Amino acid sequence: MSFRMVRSVAVLLATLLLGACAAPQASLYAPLAGRDGYAEEELGKGLYRVKFQGNSVTSKERAENYALYRAAELTLELGAFRFAVHDRLTERYTQVTRERYDPYPFYGPYGYRPPYYSAYATSGFQTERTAYLAELTVEPFTGIAPRDVGKVYEADEVIRRLAPQILRPEDVAAD
């Protein structure tokens, strides 16, 4: 083999190894695009549903904090200073994958294994991926809190408290 070919193979192997070592990353704070991100919808009568869908690496707490942060941002965008949380829901989605494989697919006479022969049974493994969806039903307001509401938050205070924990795509791109 020539030096050029050896160098090309070495570069290819190094690239594959580095790509294999890349760890998955928790969801970033961004609008819903694909599988993860935040979204909101107007329900009427001043109510909004704010959602944050995390990926399999995003913790339940992070999904809930991102939804609360988005509710505070939405409140300020609407010109209000406070918001009431009427309903709070965090759903857990778990995907279980079971795989079976035969470590010795060909053996015996003529590469055939009779179905009754179980000395080398097939092996299997199972993986689980859990993702969280945090939903809040909020009512932005200014002044006196509406009647019969849940917890009331100051939007500025929520943003100030949670801002250090928020990871945006532009923060990752800068690294």
C-alpha atoms as a PDB file:
ATOM      1  CA  MET A   1       0.000   0.000   0.000  1.00  0.00           C
ATOM      2  CA  SER A   2       1.150   3.463  -0.757  1.00  0.00           C
ATOM      3  CA  PHE A   3       1.706   6.144   1.840  1.00  0.00           C
ATOM      4  CA  ARG A   4      -1.159   8.159   0.392  1.00  0.00           C
ATOM      5  CA  MET A   5      -3.630   5.305   0.858  1.00  0.00           C
ATOM      6  CA  VAL A   6      -2.445   4.623   4.431  1.00  0.00           C
ATOM      7  CA  ARG A   7      -2.863   8.298   5.279  1.00  0.00           C
ATOM      8  CA  SER A   8      -6.369   8.368   3.766  1.00  0.00           C
ATOM      9  CA  VAL A   9      -7.414   5.297   5.743  1.00  0.00           C
ATOM     10  CA  ALA A  10      -5.963   6.784   8.946  1.00  0.00           C
ATOM     11  CA  VAL A  11      -7.875  10.046   8.444  1.00  0.00           C
ATOM     12  CA  LEU A  12     -11.081   8.136   7.722  1.00  0.00           C
ATOM     13  CA  LEU A  13     -10.684   6.006  10.863  1.00  0.00           C
ATOM     14  CA  ALA A  14      -9.934   9.058  13.023  1.00  0.00           C
ATOM     15  CA  THR A  15     -13.034  10.817  11.680  1.00  0.00           C
ATOM     16  CA  LEU A  16     -15.220   7.789  12.366  1.00  0.00           C
ATOM     17  CA  LEU A  17     -13.849   7.396  15.885  1.00  0.00           C
ATOM     18  CA  LEU A  18     -14.408  11.054  16.731  1.00  0.00           C
ATOM     19  CA  GLY A  19     -17.928  10.931  15.324  1.00  0.00           C
ATOM     20  CA  ALA A  20     -18.712   7.827  17.372  1.00  0.00           C
ATOM     21  CA  CYS A  21     -17.543   9.522  20.557  1.00  0.00           C
ATOM     22  CA  ALA A  22     -19.848  12.515  20.179  1.00  0.00           C
ATOM     23  CA  ALA A  23     -22.380  12.382  23.009  1.00  0.00           C
ATOM     24  CA  PRO A  24     -26.009  13.341  22.457  1.00  0.00           C
ATOM     25  CA  GLN A  25     -26.936  16.804  23.648  1.00  0.00           C
ATOM     26  CA  ALA A  26     -29.943  17.939  25.671  1.00  0.00           C
ATOM     27  CA  SER A  27     -32.593  19.969  23.857  1.00  0.00           C
ATOM     28  CA  LEU A  28     -31.780  23.582  23.178  1.00  0.00           C
ATOM     29  CA  TYR A  29     -34.179  26.447  23.876  1.00  0.00           C
ATOM     30  CA  ALA A  30     -35.572  27.105  20.408  1.00  0.00           C
ATOM     31  CA  PRO A  31     -38.932  27.030  18.604  1.00  0.00           C
ATOM     32  CA  LEU A  32     -40.336  23.575  17.956  1.00  0.00           C
ATOM     33  CA  ALA A  33     -38.677  22.175  14.855  1.00  0.00           C
ATOM     34  CA  GLY A  34     -38.759  18.450  14.395  1.00  0.00           C
ATOM     35  CA  ARG A  35     -38.758  16.587  17.674  1.00  0.00           C
ATOM     36  CA  ASP A  36     -37.847  19.136  20.342  1.00  0.00           C
ATOM     37  CA  GLY A  37     -38.398  22.788  21.197  1.00  0.00           C
ATOM     38  CA  TYR A  38     -41.107  25.124  22.488  1.00  0.00           C
ATOM     39  CA  ALA A  39     -44.479  26.092  21.076  1.00  0.00           C
ATOM     40  CA  GLU A  40     -47.502  28.043  22.236  1.00  0.00           C
ATOM     41  CA  GLU A  41     -51.106  28.349  21.149  1.00  0.00           C
ATOM     42  CA  GLU A  42     -53.881  30.742  22.058  1.00  0.00           C
ATOM     43  CA  LEU A  43     -56.843  29.007  23.696  1.00  0.00           C
ATOM     44  CA  GLY A  44     -59.143  32.048  23.905  1.00  0.00           C
ATOM     45  CA  LYS A  45     -60.286  34.262  26.797  1.00  0.00           C
ATOM     46  CA  GLY A  46     -56.704  35.333  27.447  1.00  0.00           C
ATOM     47  CA  LEU A  47     -55.405  31.795  28.019  1.00  0.00           C
ATOM     48  CA  TYR A  48     -52.375  30.285  26.298  1.00  0.00           C
ATOM     49  CA  ARG A  49     -50.935  26.794  26.255  1.00  0.00           C
ATOM     50  CA  VAL A  50     -47.135  26.769  26.360  1.00  0.00           C
ATOM     51  CA  LYS A  51     -45.288  23.522  25.596  1.00  0.00           C
ATOM     52  CA  PHE A  52     -41.715  22.355  25.630  1.00  0.00           C
ATOM     53  CA  GLN A  53     -40.825  18.977  24.132  1.00  0.00           C
ATOM     54  CA  GLY A  54     -37.429  17.615  25.164  1.00  0.00           C
ATOM     55  CA  ASN A  55     -35.366  14.872  23.591  1.00  0.00           C
ATOM     56  CA  SER A  56     -34.163  11.676  25.279  1.00  0.00           C
ATOM     57  CA  VAL A  57     -31.291  13.476  27.013  1.00  0.00           C
ATOM     58  CA  THR A  58     -33.361  16.383  28.384  1.00  0.00           C
ATOM     59  CA  SER A  59     -34.361  16.008  32.030  1.00  0.00           C
ATOM     60  CA  LYS A  60     -37.885  16.531  33.342  1.00  0.00           C
ATOM     61  CA  GLU A  61     -36.754  19.593  35.315  1.00  0.00           C
ATOM     62  CA  ARG A  62     -35.167  21.193  32.259  1.00  0.00           C
ATOM     63  CA  ALA A  63     -38.315  20.659  30.166  1.00  0.00           C
ATOM     64  CA  GLU A  64     -40.446  22.233  32.922  1.00  0.00           C
ATOM     65  CA  ASN A  65     -38.065  25.182  33.343  1.00  0.00           C
ATOM     66  CA  TYR A  66     -37.958  25.833  29.594  1.00  0.00           C
ATOM     67  CA  ALA A  67     -41.779  25.849  29.449  1.00  0.00           C
ATOM     68  CA  LEU A  68     -41.929  28.294  32.376  1.00  0.00           C
ATOM     69  CA  TYR A  69     -39.281  30.498  30.747  1.00  0.00           C
ATOM     70  CA  ARG A  70     -41.261  30.548  27.482  1.00  0.00           C
ATOM     71  CA  ALA A  71     -44.417  31.502  29.415  1.00  0.00           C
ATOM     72  CA  ALA A  72     -42.533  34.450  30.925  1.00  0.00           C
ATOM     73  CA  GLU A  73     -41.242  35.532  27.497  1.00  0.00           C
ATOM     74  CA  LEU A  74     -44.735  35.255  26.005  1.00  0.00           C
ATOM     75  CA  THR A  75     -46.145  37.344  28.839  1.00  0.00           C
ATOM     76  CA  LEU A  76     -43.675  40.154  28.154  1.00  0.00           C
ATOM     77  CA  GLU A  77     -44.293  39.904  24.381  1.00  0.00           C
ATOM     78  CA  LEU A  78     -48.005  40.442  25.030  1.00  0.00           C
ATOM     79  CA  GLY A  79     -47.283  43.548  27.116  1.00  0.00           C
ATOM     80  CA  ALA A  80     -48.172  42.009  30.475  1.00  0.00           C
ATOM     81  CA  PHE A  81     -45.958  41.779  33.553  1.00  0.00           C
ATOM     82  CA  ARG A  82     -47.330  38.762  35.421  1.00  0.00           C
ATOM     83  CA  PHE A  83     -48.865  35.437  34.516  1.00  0.00           C
ATOM     84  CA  ALA A  84     -50.951  32.855  36.313  1.00  0.00           C
ATOM     85  CA  VAL A  85     -50.482  29.138  35.758  1.00  0.00           C
ATOM     86  CA  HIS A  86     -53.914  27.494  35.627  1.00  0.00           C
ATOM     87  CA  ASP A  87     -52.797  23.992  34.692  1.00  0.00           C
ATOM     88  CA  ARG A  88     -49.459  22.194  34.681  1.00  0.00           C
ATOM     89  CA  LEU A  89     -48.757  18.832  33.063  1.00  0.00           C
ATOM     90  CA  THR A  90     -45.546  16.943  32.390  1.00  0.00           C
ATOM     91  CA  GLU A  91     -45.875  13.825  30.259  1.00  0.00           C
ATOM     92  CA  ARG A  92     -43.271  11.117  30.032  1.00  0.00           C
ATOM     93  CA  TYR A  93     -42.848   9.248  26.746  1.00  0.00           C
ATOM     94  CA  THR A  94     -40.793   6.064  26.840  1.00  0.00           C
ATOM     95  CA  GLN A  95     -39.814   4.154  23.719  1.00  0.00           C
ATOM     96  CA  VAL A  96     -38.646   0.590  24.292  1.00  0.00           C
ATOM     97  CA  THR A  97     -36.716  -1.174  21.549  1.00  0.00           C
ATOM     98  CA  ARG A  98     -36.068  -4.892  21.745  1.00  0.00           C
ATOM     99  CA  GLU A  99     -33.562  -6.422  19.366  1.00  0.00           C
ATOM    100  CA  ARG A 100     -32.683 -10.067  18.844  1.00  0.00           C
ATOM    101  CA  TYR A 101     -29.673 -11.307  16.987  1.00  0.00           C
ATOM    102  CA  ASP A 102     -27.974 -14.613  16.373  1.00  0.00           C
ATOM    103  CA  PRO A 103     -24.288 -14.532  17.319  1.00  0.00           C
ATOM    104  CA  TYR A 104     -23.677 -17.716  15.310  1.00  0.00           C
ATOM    105  CA  PRO A 105     -25.920 -17.493  12.253  1.00  0.00           C
ATOM    106  CA  PHE A 106     -24.186 -20.269  10.268  1.00  0.00           C
ATOM    107  CA  TYR A 107     -22.885 -23.482  11.729  1.00  0.00           C
ATOM    108  CA  GLY A 108     -23.617 -27.158  11.519  1.00  0.00           C
ATOM    109  CA  PRO A 109     -23.605 -29.223   8.372  1.00  0.00           C
ATOM    110  CA  TYR A 110     -23.625 -27.071   5.280  1.00  0.00           C
ATOM    111  CA  GLY A 111     -24.063 -23.876   7.354  1.00  0.00           C
ATOM    112  CA  TYR A 112     -27.494 -24.926   8.543  1.00  0.00           C
ATOM    113  CA  ARG A 113     -28.732 -24.919  12.119  1.00  0.00           C
ATOM    114  CA  PRO A 114     -31.766 -27.090  12.787  1.00  0.00           C
ATOM    115  CA  PRO A 115     -34.528 -25.150  14.575  1.00  0.00           C
ATOM    116  CA  TYR A 116     -34.644 -27.656  17.439  1.00  0.00           C
ATOM    117  CA  TYR A 117     -30.962 -27.183  18.297  1.00  0.00           C
ATOM    118  CA  SER A 118     -30.688 -24.628  21.125  1.00  0.00           C
ATOM    119  CA  ALA A 119     -27.128 -24.932  22.425  1.00  0.00           C
ATOM    120  CA  TYR A 120     -26.435 -21.451  21.039  1.00  0.00           C
ATOM    121  CA  ALA A 121     -29.708 -19.615  21.487  1.00  0.00           C
ATOM    122  CA  THR A 122     -30.213 -16.188  20.004  1.00  0.00           C
ATOM    123  CA  SER A 123     -29.245 -13.226  22.154  1.00  0.00           C
ATOM    124  CA  GLY A 124     -31.140 -10.017  22.674  1.00  0.00           C
ATOM    125  CA  PHE A 125     -30.955  -6.597  24.208  1.00  0.00           C
ATOM    126  CA  GLN A 126     -33.359  -3.840  25.089  1.00  0.00           C
ATOM    127  CA  THR A 127     -32.964  -0.061  25.014  1.00  0.00           C
ATOM    128  CA  GLU A 128     -35.228   2.591  26.491  1.00  0.00           C
ATOM    129  CA  ARG A 129     -35.447   6.257  25.569  1.00  0.00           C
ATOM    130  CA  THR A 130     -37.507   8.622  27.673  1.00  0.00           C
ATOM    131  CA  ALA A 131     -38.517  12.132  26.633  1.00  0.00           C
ATOM    132  CA  TYR A 132     -40.594  14.706  28.522  1.00  0.00           C
ATOM    133  CA  LEU A 133     -43.277  17.104  27.314  1.00  0.00           C
ATOM    134  CA  ALA A 134     -44.032  19.957  29.732  1.00  0.00           C
ATOM    135  CA  GLU A 135     -47.289  21.895  29.200  1.00  0.00           C
ATOM    136  CA  LEU A 136     -48.538  24.981  31.007  1.00  0.00           C
ATOM    137  CA  THR A 137     -51.877  26.750  30.637  1.00  0.00           C
ATOM    138  CA  VAL A 138     -51.105  30.368  31.462  1.00  0.00           C
ATOM    139  CA  GLU A 139     -52.967  33.658  31.641  1.00  0.00           C
ATOM    140  CA  PRO A 140     -50.819  36.768  31.201  1.00  0.00           C
ATOM    141  CA  PHE A 141     -52.126  39.857  33.025  1.00  0.00           C
ATOM    142  CA  THR A 142     -51.205  43.234  34.431  1.00  0.00           C
ATOM    143  CA  GLY A 143     -52.611  44.467  37.717  1.00  0.00           C
ATOM    144  CA  ILE A 144     -54.805  42.376  39.981  1.00  0.00           C
ATOM    145  CA  ALA A 145     -54.607  38.594  39.578  1.00  0.00           C
ATOM    146  CA  PRO A 146     -57.648  36.871  38.063  1.00  0.00           C
ATOM    147  CA  ARG A 147     -59.910  34.873  40.376  1.00  0.00           C
ATOM    148  CA  ASP A 148     -59.394  31.185  41.051  1.00  0.00           C
ATOM    149  CA  VAL A 149     -55.934  30.886  39.599  1.00  0.00           C
ATOM    150  CA  GLY A 150     -52.992  28.703  40.458  1.00  0.00           C
ATOM    151  CA  LYS A 151     -49.564  30.105  41.123  1.00  0.00           C
ATOM    152  CA  VAL A 152     -48.824  33.671  39.967  1.00  0.00           C
ATOM    153  CA  TYR A 153     -45.367  34.555  38.623  1.00  0.00           C
ATOM    154  CA  GLU A 154     -43.626  37.835  37.865  1.00  0.00           C
ATOM    155  CA  ALA A 155     -42.347  37.442  34.292  1.00  0.00           C
ATOM    156  CA  ASP A 156     -39.182  39.524  34.870  1.00  0.00           C
ATOM    157  CA  GLU A 157     -38.279  37.518  37.972  1.00  0.00           C
ATOM    158  CA  VAL A 158     -38.730  34.169  36.158  1.00  0.00           C
ATOM    159  CA  ILE A 159     -36.534  35.304  33.271  1.00  0.00           C
ATOM    160  CA  ARG A 160     -33.860  36.645  35.621  1.00  0.00           C
ATOM    161  CA  ARG A 161     -33.861  33.416  37.687  1.00  0.00           C
ATOM    162  CA  LEU A 162     -33.877  30.934  34.771  1.00  0.00           C
ATOM    163  CA  ALA A 163     -31.745  32.824  32.201  1.00  0.00           C
ATOM    164  CA  PRO A 164     -28.428  31.264  33.351  1.00  0.00           C
ATOM    165  CA  GLN A 165     -29.882  27.768  32.784  1.00  0.00           C
ATOM    166  CA  ILE A 166     -31.201  28.444  29.270  1.00  0.00           C
ATOM    167  CA  LEU A 167     -29.078  26.979  26.487  1.00  0.00           C
ATOM    168  CA  ARG A 168     -29.809  28.472  23.054  1.00  0.00           C
ATOM    169  CA  PRO A 169     -28.523  27.289  19.653  1.00  0.00           C
ATOM    170  CA  GLU A 170     -26.377  30.412  19.236  1.00  0.00           C
ATOM    171  CA  ASP A 171     -24.692  29.687  22.596  1.00  0.00           C
ATOM    172  CA  VAL A 172     -23.639  26.243  21.358  1.00  0.00           C
ATOM    173  CA  ALA A 173     -22.509  27.567  17.961  1.00  0.00           C
ATOM    174  CA  ALA A 174     -20.228  30.081  19.684  1.00  0.00           C
ATOM    175  CA  ASP A 175     -18.310  27.305  21.515  1.00  0.00           C
END
